[in-house]
Amino acid sequence: MEKFMIAYYGGNQPSSQEEGMAQMGKWKEWVEGLGEKVINPGTPLPDSRIVTSNSVKDDDDPNAMKGFAVVKAESMEAAVEIAQSDPFL
């Protein structure tokens, strides 16, 4: 099996603690359902920087990358199916 990264961009924060807990419950269920296909279930990226040879600046774009997960799949198509099943879409 090959490894694939699912990158999370943009998105909205939950409007309440209850909504956040419900989202997290769905996400945990999704990860558990993937079983051994999960290499890294998710790494949030709360802050990011844009680094060039001349400068470093905050990436304050609301659609900046916010996190990633890594999964194993037989093909790109299979990895896309996994990504499409993610409850955070």
PDB file of N, CA and C in Angstrom:
ATOM      1  N   MET A   1       0.831  -1.185   0.000  1.00  0.00           N
ATOM      2  CA  MET A   1       0.000   0.000   0.000  1.00  0.00           C
ATOM      3  C   MET A   1       0.872   1.244   0.000  1.00  0.00           C
ATOM      4  N   GLU A   2       0.369   2.272  -0.646  1.00  0.00           N
ATOM      5  CA  GLU A   2       1.072   3.552  -0.687  1.00  0.00           C
ATOM      6  C   GLU A   2       0.566   4.469   0.410  1.00  0.00           C
ATOM      7  N   LYS A   3       1.353   5.491   0.727  1.00  0.00           N
ATOM      8  CA  LYS A   3       0.963   6.495   1.716  1.00  0.00           C
ATOM      9  C   LYS A   3       0.446   7.737   0.992  1.00  0.00           C
ATOM     10  N   PHE A   4      -0.617   8.339   1.556  1.00  0.00           N
ATOM     11  CA  PHE A   4      -1.207   9.552   0.994  1.00  0.00           C
ATOM     12  C   PHE A   4      -1.492  10.536   2.120  1.00  0.00           C
ATOM     13  N   MET A   5      -1.289  11.814   1.837  1.00  0.00           N
ATOM     14  CA  MET A   5      -1.588  12.860   2.804  1.00  0.00           C
ATOM     15  C   MET A   5      -2.926  13.497   2.455  1.00  0.00           C
ATOM     16  N   ILE A   6      -3.774  13.646   3.445  1.00  0.00           N
ATOM     17  CA  ILE A   6      -5.013  14.407   3.305  1.00  0.00           C
ATOM     18  C   ILE A   6      -4.728  15.762   3.937  1.00  0.00           C
ATOM     19  N   ALA A   7      -4.787  16.820   3.148  1.00  0.00           N
ATOM     20  CA  ALA A   7      -4.509  18.171   3.639  1.00  0.00           C
ATOM     21  C   ALA A   7      -5.821  18.893   3.902  1.00  0.00           C
ATOM     22  N   TYR A   8      -5.907  19.548   5.049  1.00  0.00           N
ATOM     23  CA  TYR A   8      -7.104  20.298   5.431  1.00  0.00           C
ATOM     24  C   TYR A   8      -6.834  21.792   5.240  1.00  0.00           C
ATOM     25  N   TYR A   9      -7.707  22.449   4.487  1.00  0.00           N
ATOM     26  CA  TYR A   9      -7.585  23.882   4.220  1.00  0.00           C
ATOM     27  C   TYR A   9      -8.836  24.606   4.695  1.00  0.00           C
ATOM     28  N   GLY A  10      -8.641  25.826   5.204  1.00  0.00           N
ATOM     29  CA  GLY A  10      -9.781  26.666   5.583  1.00  0.00           C
ATOM     30  C   GLY A  10     -10.623  26.024   6.663  1.00  0.00           C
ATOM     31  N   GLY A  11     -11.919  26.253   6.578  1.00  0.00           N
ATOM     32  CA  GLY A  11     -12.845  25.672   7.554  1.00  0.00           C
ATOM     33  C   GLY A  11     -13.253  26.661   8.619  1.00  0.00           C
ATOM     34  N   ASN A  12     -14.248  26.278   9.373  1.00  0.00           N
ATOM     35  CA  ASN A  12     -14.777  27.107  10.445  1.00  0.00           C
ATOM     36  C   ASN A  12     -14.630  26.401  11.779  1.00  0.00           C
ATOM     37  N   GLN A  13     -14.429  27.183  12.817  1.00  0.00           N
ATOM     38  CA  GLN A  13     -14.376  26.642  14.168  1.00  0.00           C
ATOM     39  C   GLN A  13     -15.796  26.327  14.624  1.00  0.00           C
ATOM     40  N   PRO A  14     -15.964  25.334  15.475  1.00  0.00           N
ATOM     41  CA  PRO A  14     -17.298  25.035  16.019  1.00  0.00           C
ATOM     42  C   PRO A  14     -17.854  26.268  16.740  1.00  0.00           C
ATOM     43  N   SER A  15     -19.161  26.433  16.693  1.00  0.00           N
ATOM     44  CA  SER A  15     -19.780  27.599  17.324  1.00  0.00           C
ATOM     45  C   SER A  15     -19.971  27.422  18.819  1.00  0.00           C
ATOM     46  N   SER A  16     -19.820  26.199  19.317  1.00  0.00           N
ATOM     47  CA  SER A  16     -19.958  25.950  20.751  1.00  0.00           C
ATOM     48  C   SER A  16     -19.093  24.751  21.132  1.00  0.00           C
ATOM     49  N   GLN A  17     -18.903  24.593  22.431  1.00  0.00           N
ATOM     50  CA  GLN A  17     -18.140  23.450  22.920  1.00  0.00           C
ATOM     51  C   GLN A  17     -18.868  22.148  22.581  1.00  0.00           C
ATOM     52  N   GLU A  18     -20.181  22.162  22.665  1.00  0.00           N
ATOM     53  CA  GLU A  18     -20.972  20.974  22.363  1.00  0.00           C
ATOM     54  C   GLU A  18     -20.806  20.569  20.895  1.00  0.00           C
ATOM     55  N   GLU A  19     -20.851  21.570  20.007  1.00  0.00           N
ATOM     56  CA  GLU A  19     -20.671  21.281  18.581  1.00  0.00           C
ATOM     57  C   GLU A  19     -19.271  20.717  18.328  1.00  0.00           C
ATOM     58  N   GLY A  20     -18.280  21.288  18.985  1.00  0.00           N
ATOM     59  CA  GLY A  20     -16.908  20.791  18.850  1.00  0.00           C
ATOM     60  C   GLY A  20     -16.775  19.357  19.326  1.00  0.00           C
ATOM     61  N   MET A  21     -17.404  19.037  20.429  1.00  0.00           N
ATOM     62  CA  MET A  21     -17.346  17.669  20.956  1.00  0.00           C
ATOM     63  C   MET A  21     -18.057  16.696  20.015  1.00  0.00           C
ATOM     64  N   ALA A  22     -19.174  17.126  19.430  1.00  0.00           N
ATOM     65  CA  ALA A  22     -19.894  16.265  18.481  1.00  0.00           C
ATOM     66  C   ALA A  22     -19.047  16.016  17.238  1.00  0.00           C
ATOM     67  N   GLN A  23     -18.388  17.064  16.731  1.00  0.00           N
ATOM     68  CA  GLN A  23     -17.510  16.903  15.568  1.00  0.00           C
ATOM     69  C   GLN A  23     -16.364  15.955  15.889  1.00  0.00           C
ATOM     70  N   MET A  24     -15.769  16.130  17.067  1.00  0.00           N
ATOM     71  CA  MET A  24     -14.648  15.273  17.459  1.00  0.00           C
ATOM     72  C   MET A  24     -15.098  13.825  17.587  1.00  0.00           C
ATOM     73  N   GLY A  25     -16.307  13.593  18.077  1.00  0.00           N
ATOM     74  CA  GLY A  25     -16.830  12.230  18.179  1.00  0.00           C
ATOM     75  C   GLY A  25     -16.976  11.580  16.821  1.00  0.00           C
ATOM     76  N   LYS A  26     -17.484  12.328  15.850  1.00  0.00           N
ATOM     77  CA  LYS A  26     -17.612  11.805  14.478  1.00  0.00           C
ATOM     78  C   LYS A  26     -16.240  11.514  13.891  1.00  0.00           C
ATOM     79  N   TRP A  27     -15.281  12.397  14.149  1.00  0.00           N
ATOM     80  CA  TRP A  27     -13.935  12.212  13.619  1.00  0.00           C
ATOM     81  C   TRP A  27     -13.284  10.967  14.234  1.00  0.00           C
ATOM     82  N   LYS A  28     -13.424  10.785  15.548  1.00  0.00           N
ATOM     83  CA  LYS A  28     -12.846   9.600  16.205  1.00  0.00           C
ATOM     84  C   LYS A  28     -13.456   8.321  15.647  1.00  0.00           C
ATOM     85  N   GLU A  29     -14.755   8.337  15.409  1.00  0.00           N
ATOM     86  CA  GLU A  29     -15.431   7.168  14.832  1.00  0.00           C
ATOM     87  C   GLU A  29     -14.886   6.876  13.432  1.00  0.00           C
ATOM     88  N   TRP A  30     -14.668   7.917  12.647  1.00  0.00           N
ATOM     89  CA  TRP A  30     -14.126   7.775  11.298  1.00  0.00           C
ATOM     90  C   TRP A  30     -12.730   7.158  11.355  1.00  0.00           C
ATOM     91  N   VAL A  31     -11.872   7.686  12.233  1.00  0.00           N
ATOM     92  CA  VAL A  31     -10.494   7.177  12.355  1.00  0.00           C
ATOM     93  C   VAL A  31     -10.510   5.712  12.782  1.00  0.00           C
ATOM     94  N   GLU A  32     -11.327   5.383  13.763  1.00  0.00           N
ATOM     95  CA  GLU A  32     -11.404   3.996  14.230  1.00  0.00           C
ATOM     96  C   GLU A  32     -11.881   3.075  13.107  1.00  0.00           C
ATOM     97  N   GLY A  33     -12.809   3.551  12.285  1.00  0.00           N
ATOM     98  CA  GLY A  33     -13.323   2.762  11.174  1.00  0.00           C
ATOM     99  C   GLY A  33     -12.284   2.493  10.092  1.00  0.00           C
ATOM    100  N   LEU A  34     -11.298   3.369   9.986  1.00  0.00           N
ATOM    101  CA  LEU A  34     -10.239   3.183   8.987  1.00  0.00           C
ATOM    102  C   LEU A  34      -9.226   2.131   9.421  1.00  0.00           C
ATOM    103  N   GLY A  35      -9.149   1.868  10.711  1.00  0.00           N
ATOM    104  CA  GLY A  35      -8.254   0.828  11.219  1.00  0.00           C
ATOM    105  C   GLY A  35      -6.804   1.048  10.842  1.00  0.00           C
ATOM    106  N   GLU A  36      -6.184   0.004  10.258  1.00  0.00           N
ATOM    107  CA  GLU A  36      -4.753   0.050   9.934  1.00  0.00           C
ATOM    108  C   GLU A  36      -4.427   0.943   8.736  1.00  0.00           C
ATOM    109  N   LYS A  37      -5.430   1.489   8.084  1.00  0.00           N
ATOM    110  CA  LYS A  37      -5.177   2.416   6.976  1.00  0.00           C
ATOM    111  C   LYS A  37      -4.641   3.754   7.479  1.00  0.00           C
ATOM    112  N   VAL A  38      -4.790   4.019   8.775  1.00  0.00           N
ATOM    113  CA  VAL A  38      -4.361   5.287   9.356  1.00  0.00           C
ATOM    114  C   VAL A  38      -2.902   5.204   9.777  1.00  0.00           C
ATOM    115  N   ILE A  39      -2.094   6.113   9.263  1.00  0.00           N
ATOM    116  CA  ILE A  39      -0.703   6.245   9.695  1.00  0.00           C
ATOM    117  C   ILE A  39      -0.612   7.381  10.703  1.00  0.00           C
ATOM    118  N   ASN A  40      -1.192   8.521  10.358  1.00  0.00           N
ATOM    119  CA  ASN A  40      -1.272   9.688  11.237  1.00  0.00           C
ATOM    120  C   ASN A  40      -2.717  10.171  11.171  1.00  0.00           C
ATOM    121  N   PRO A  41      -3.483  10.037  12.247  1.00  0.00           N
ATOM    122  CA  PRO A  41      -4.902  10.378  12.182  1.00  0.00           C
ATOM    123  C   PRO A  41      -5.182  11.861  11.989  1.00  0.00           C
ATOM    124  N   GLY A  42      -4.241  12.709  12.321  1.00  0.00           N
ATOM    125  CA  GLY A  42      -4.469  14.133  12.108  1.00  0.00           C
ATOM    126  C   GLY A  42      -3.513  14.973  12.924  1.00  0.00           C
ATOM    127  N   THR A  43      -2.950  15.967  12.273  1.00  0.00           N
ATOM    128  CA  THR A  43      -2.068  16.910  12.934  1.00  0.00           C
ATOM    129  C   THR A  43      -2.564  18.309  12.620  1.00  0.00           C
ATOM    130  N   PRO A  44      -3.088  19.024  13.613  1.00  0.00           N
ATOM    131  CA  PRO A  44      -3.538  20.391  13.354  1.00  0.00           C
ATOM    132  C   PRO A  44      -2.334  21.318  13.187  1.00  0.00           C
ATOM    133  N   LEU A  45      -2.512  22.338  12.383  1.00  0.00           N
ATOM    134  CA  LEU A  45      -1.484  23.351  12.167  1.00  0.00           C
ATOM    135  C   LEU A  45      -2.085  24.707  12.513  1.00  0.00           C
ATOM    136  N   PRO A  46      -2.062  25.082  13.791  1.00  0.00           N
ATOM    137  CA  PRO A  46      -2.733  26.313  14.199  1.00  0.00           C
ATOM    138  C   PRO A  46      -2.079  27.577  13.648  1.00  0.00           C
ATOM    139  N   ASP A  47      -0.778  27.567  13.461  1.00  0.00           N
ATOM    140  CA  ASP A  47      -0.055  28.719  12.921  1.00  0.00           C
ATOM    141  C   ASP A  47       0.812  28.261  11.773  1.00  0.00           C
ATOM    142  N   SER A  48       0.906  29.082  10.745  1.00  0.00           N
ATOM    143  CA  SER A  48       1.821  28.746   9.657  1.00  0.00           C
ATOM    144  C   SER A  48       2.511  30.015   9.176  1.00  0.00           C
ATOM    145  N   ARG A  49       3.651  29.835   8.572  1.00  0.00           N
ATOM    146  CA  ARG A  49       4.451  30.942   8.056  1.00  0.00           C
ATOM    147  C   ARG A  49       4.765  30.675   6.588  1.00  0.00           C
ATOM    148  N   ILE A  50       4.914  31.746   5.843  1.00  0.00           N
ATOM    149  CA  ILE A  50       5.377  31.657   4.471  1.00  0.00           C
ATOM    150  C   ILE A  50       6.848  32.054   4.494  1.00  0.00           C
ATOM    151  N   VAL A  51       7.707  31.118   4.109  1.00  0.00           N
ATOM    152  CA  VAL A  51       9.150  31.329   4.171  1.00  0.00           C
ATOM    153  C   VAL A  51       9.702  31.365   2.761  1.00  0.00           C
ATOM    154  N   THR A  52      10.414  32.435   2.435  1.00  0.00           N
ATOM    155  CA  THR A  52      11.121  32.547   1.167  1.00  0.00           C
ATOM    156  C   THR A  52      12.594  32.809   1.475  1.00  0.00           C
ATOM    157  N   SER A  53      13.409  32.902   0.446  1.00  0.00           N
ATOM    158  CA  SER A  53      14.828  33.181   0.687  1.00  0.00           C
ATOM    159  C   SER A  53      15.036  34.588   1.229  1.00  0.00           C
ATOM    160  N   ASN A  54      14.026  35.471   1.081  1.00  0.00           N
ATOM    161  CA  ASN A  54      14.176  36.861   1.517  1.00  0.00           C
ATOM    162  C   ASN A  54      13.337  37.249   2.731  1.00  0.00           C
ATOM    163  N   SER A  55      12.344  36.447   3.074  1.00  0.00           N
ATOM    164  CA  SER A  55      11.457  36.895   4.151  1.00  0.00           C
ATOM    165  C   SER A  55      10.713  35.727   4.803  1.00  0.00           C
ATOM    166  N   VAL A  56      10.121  36.051   5.934  1.00  0.00           N
ATOM    167  CA  VAL A  56       9.230  35.144   6.644  1.00  0.00           C
ATOM    168  C   VAL A  56       8.035  35.983   7.067  1.00  0.00           C
ATOM    169  N   LYS A  57       6.830  35.511   6.729  1.00  0.00           N
ATOM    170  CA  LYS A  57       5.646  36.256   7.155  1.00  0.00           C
ATOM    171  C   LYS A  57       4.555  35.285   7.577  1.00  0.00           C
ATOM    172  N   ASP A  58       3.658  35.782   8.434  1.00  0.00           N
ATOM    173  CA  ASP A  58       2.529  34.969   8.868  1.00  0.00           C
ATOM    174  C   ASP A  58       1.641  34.657   7.679  1.00  0.00           C
ATOM    175  N   ASP A  59       1.138  33.440   7.625  1.00  0.00           N
ATOM    176  CA  ASP A  59       0.171  33.061   6.599  1.00  0.00           C
ATOM    177  C   ASP A  59      -1.210  33.277   7.205  1.00  0.00           C
ATOM    178  N   ASP A  60      -1.778  34.456   6.960  1.00  0.00           N
ATOM    179  CA  ASP A  60      -3.066  34.791   7.556  1.00  0.00           C
ATOM    180  C   ASP A  60      -4.231  34.584   6.588  1.00  0.00           C
ATOM    181  N   ASP A  61      -3.983  33.867   5.502  1.00  0.00           N
ATOM    182  CA  ASP A  61      -5.039  33.542   4.545  1.00  0.00           C
ATOM    183  C   ASP A  61      -6.049  32.617   5.229  1.00  0.00           C
ATOM    184  N   PRO A  62      -7.347  32.948   5.222  1.00  0.00           N
ATOM    185  CA  PRO A  62      -8.322  32.074   5.875  1.00  0.00           C
ATOM    186  C   PRO A  62      -8.407  30.683   5.252  1.00  0.00           C
ATOM    187  N   ASN A  63      -7.893  30.526   4.040  1.00  0.00           N
ATOM    188  CA  ASN A  63      -7.893  29.215   3.376  1.00  0.00           C
ATOM    189  C   ASN A  63      -6.539  28.527   3.445  1.00  0.00           C
ATOM    190  N   ALA A  64      -5.687  28.969   4.361  1.00  0.00           N
ATOM    191  CA  ALA A  64      -4.369  28.344   4.528  1.00  0.00           C
ATOM    192  C   ALA A  64      -4.546  26.909   5.023  1.00  0.00           C
ATOM    193  N   MET A  65      -3.517  26.114   4.836  1.00  0.00           N
ATOM    194  CA  MET A  65      -3.550  24.740   5.314  1.00  0.00           C
ATOM    195  C   MET A  65      -3.672  24.737   6.829  1.00  0.00           C
ATOM    196  N   LYS A  66      -4.652  23.992   7.352  1.00  0.00           N
ATOM    197  CA  LYS A  66      -4.931  23.969   8.793  1.00  0.00           C
ATOM    198  C   LYS A  66      -4.527  22.665   9.465  1.00  0.00           C
ATOM    199  N   GLY A  67      -4.204  21.655   8.663  1.00  0.00           N
ATOM    200  CA  GLY A  67      -3.810  20.377   9.241  1.00  0.00           C
ATOM    201  C   GLY A  67      -3.681  19.312   8.177  1.00  0.00           C
ATOM    202  N   PHE A  68      -3.300  18.113   8.617  1.00  0.00           N
ATOM    203  CA  PHE A  68      -3.162  17.008   7.670  1.00  0.00           C
ATOM    204  C   PHE A  68      -3.306  15.671   8.386  1.00  0.00           C
ATOM    205  N   ALA A  69      -3.593  14.663   7.602  1.00  0.00           N
ATOM    206  CA  ALA A  69      -3.631  13.276   8.060  1.00  0.00           C
ATOM    207  C   ALA A  69      -2.872  12.456   7.022  1.00  0.00           C
ATOM    208  N   VAL A  70      -2.396  11.280   7.407  1.00  0.00           N
ATOM    209  CA  VAL A  70      -1.705  10.390   6.471  1.00  0.00           C
ATOM    210  C   VAL A  70      -2.370   9.015   6.556  1.00  0.00           C
ATOM    211  N   VAL A  71      -2.704   8.484   5.389  1.00  0.00           N
ATOM    212  CA  VAL A  71      -3.368   7.180   5.312  1.00  0.00           C
ATOM    213  C   VAL A  71      -2.649   6.277   4.316  1.00  0.00           C
ATOM    214  N   LYS A  72      -2.914   4.974   4.429  1.00  0.00           N
ATOM    215  CA  LYS A  72      -2.425   3.991   3.461  1.00  0.00           C
ATOM    216  C   LYS A  72      -3.597   3.587   2.583  1.00  0.00           C
ATOM    217  N   ALA A  73      -3.329   3.469   1.287  1.00  0.00           N
ATOM    218  CA  ALA A  73      -4.368   3.038   0.354  1.00  0.00           C
ATOM    219  C   ALA A  73      -3.705   2.343  -0.829  1.00  0.00           C
ATOM    220  N   GLU A  74      -4.485   1.532  -1.539  1.00  0.00           N
ATOM    221  CA  GLU A  74      -3.987   0.791  -2.700  1.00  0.00           C
ATOM    222  C   GLU A  74      -3.708   1.693  -3.898  1.00  0.00           C
ATOM    223  N   SER A  75      -4.417   2.835  -3.975  1.00  0.00           N
ATOM    224  CA  SER A  75      -4.284   3.719  -5.142  1.00  0.00           C
ATOM    225  C   SER A  75      -4.737   5.122  -4.775  1.00  0.00           C
ATOM    226  N   MET A  76      -4.492   6.066  -5.674  1.00  0.00           N
ATOM    227  CA  MET A  76      -4.967   7.431  -5.474  1.00  0.00           C
ATOM    228  C   MET A  76      -6.488   7.447  -5.363  1.00  0.00           C
ATOM    229  N   GLU A  77      -7.147   6.642  -6.187  1.00  0.00           N
ATOM    230  CA  GLU A  77      -8.611   6.589  -6.152  1.00  0.00           C
ATOM    231  C   GLU A  77      -9.110   6.116  -4.791  1.00  0.00           C
ATOM    232  N   ALA A  78      -8.448   5.117  -4.226  1.00  0.00           N
ATOM    233  CA  ALA A  78      -8.826   4.614  -2.906  1.00  0.00           C
ATOM    234  C   ALA A  78      -8.565   5.665  -1.831  1.00  0.00           C
ATOM    235  N   ALA A  79      -7.473   6.413  -1.969  1.00  0.00           N
ATOM    236  CA  ALA A  79      -7.166   7.482  -1.013  1.00  0.00           C
ATOM    237  C   ALA A  79      -8.211   8.594  -1.108  1.00  0.00           C
ATOM    238  N   VAL A  80      -8.654   8.910  -2.315  1.00  0.00           N
ATOM    239  CA  VAL A  80      -9.697   9.929  -2.497  1.00  0.00           C
ATOM    240  C   VAL A  80     -10.988   9.473  -1.821  1.00  0.00           C
ATOM    241  N   GLU A  81     -11.320   8.193  -1.936  1.00  0.00           N
ATOM    242  CA  GLU A  81     -12.518   7.669  -1.276  1.00  0.00           C
ATOM    243  C   GLU A  81     -12.417   7.828   0.245  1.00  0.00           C
ATOM    244  N   ILE A  82     -11.246   7.557   0.787  1.00  0.00           N
ATOM    245  CA  ILE A  82     -11.040   7.749   2.223  1.00  0.00           C
ATOM    246  C   ILE A  82     -11.241   9.215   2.580  1.00  0.00           C
ATOM    247  N   ALA A  83     -10.610  10.106   1.817  1.00  0.00           N
ATOM    248  CA  ALA A  83     -10.737  11.539   2.096  1.00  0.00           C
ATOM    249  C   ALA A  83     -12.185  11.998   2.004  1.00  0.00           C
ATOM    250  N   GLN A  84     -12.920  11.494   1.025  1.00  0.00           N
ATOM    251  CA  GLN A  84     -14.318  11.910   0.844  1.00  0.00           C
ATOM    252  C   GLN A  84     -15.205  11.424   1.985  1.00  0.00           C
ATOM    253  N   SER A  85     -14.776  10.404   2.717  1.00  0.00           N
ATOM    254  CA  SER A  85     -15.559   9.907   3.837  1.00  0.00           C
ATOM    255  C   SER A  85     -15.284  10.679   5.129  1.00  0.00           C
ATOM    256  N   ASP A  86     -14.323  11.581   5.112  1.00  0.00           N
ATOM    257  CA  ASP A  86     -13.939  12.350   6.293  1.00  0.00           C
ATOM    258  C   ASP A  86     -15.104  13.231   6.754  1.00  0.00           C
ATOM    259  N   PRO A  87     -15.506  13.147   8.013  1.00  0.00           N
ATOM    260  CA  PRO A  87     -16.651  13.925   8.484  1.00  0.00           C
ATOM    261  C   PRO A  87     -16.391  15.426   8.547  1.00  0.00           C
ATOM    262  N   PHE A  88     -15.160  15.870   8.406  1.00  0.00           N
ATOM    263  CA  PHE A  88     -14.880  17.307   8.442  1.00  0.00           C
ATOM    264  C   PHE A  88     -15.058  17.979   7.082  1.00  0.00           C
ATOM    265  N   LEU A  89     -15.363  17.206   6.035  1.00  0.00           N
ATOM    266  CA  LEU A  89     -15.611  17.829   4.732  1.00  0.00           C
ATOM    267  C   LEU A  89     -16.918  18.584   4.757  1.00  0.00           C
TER     268      LEU A  89
END
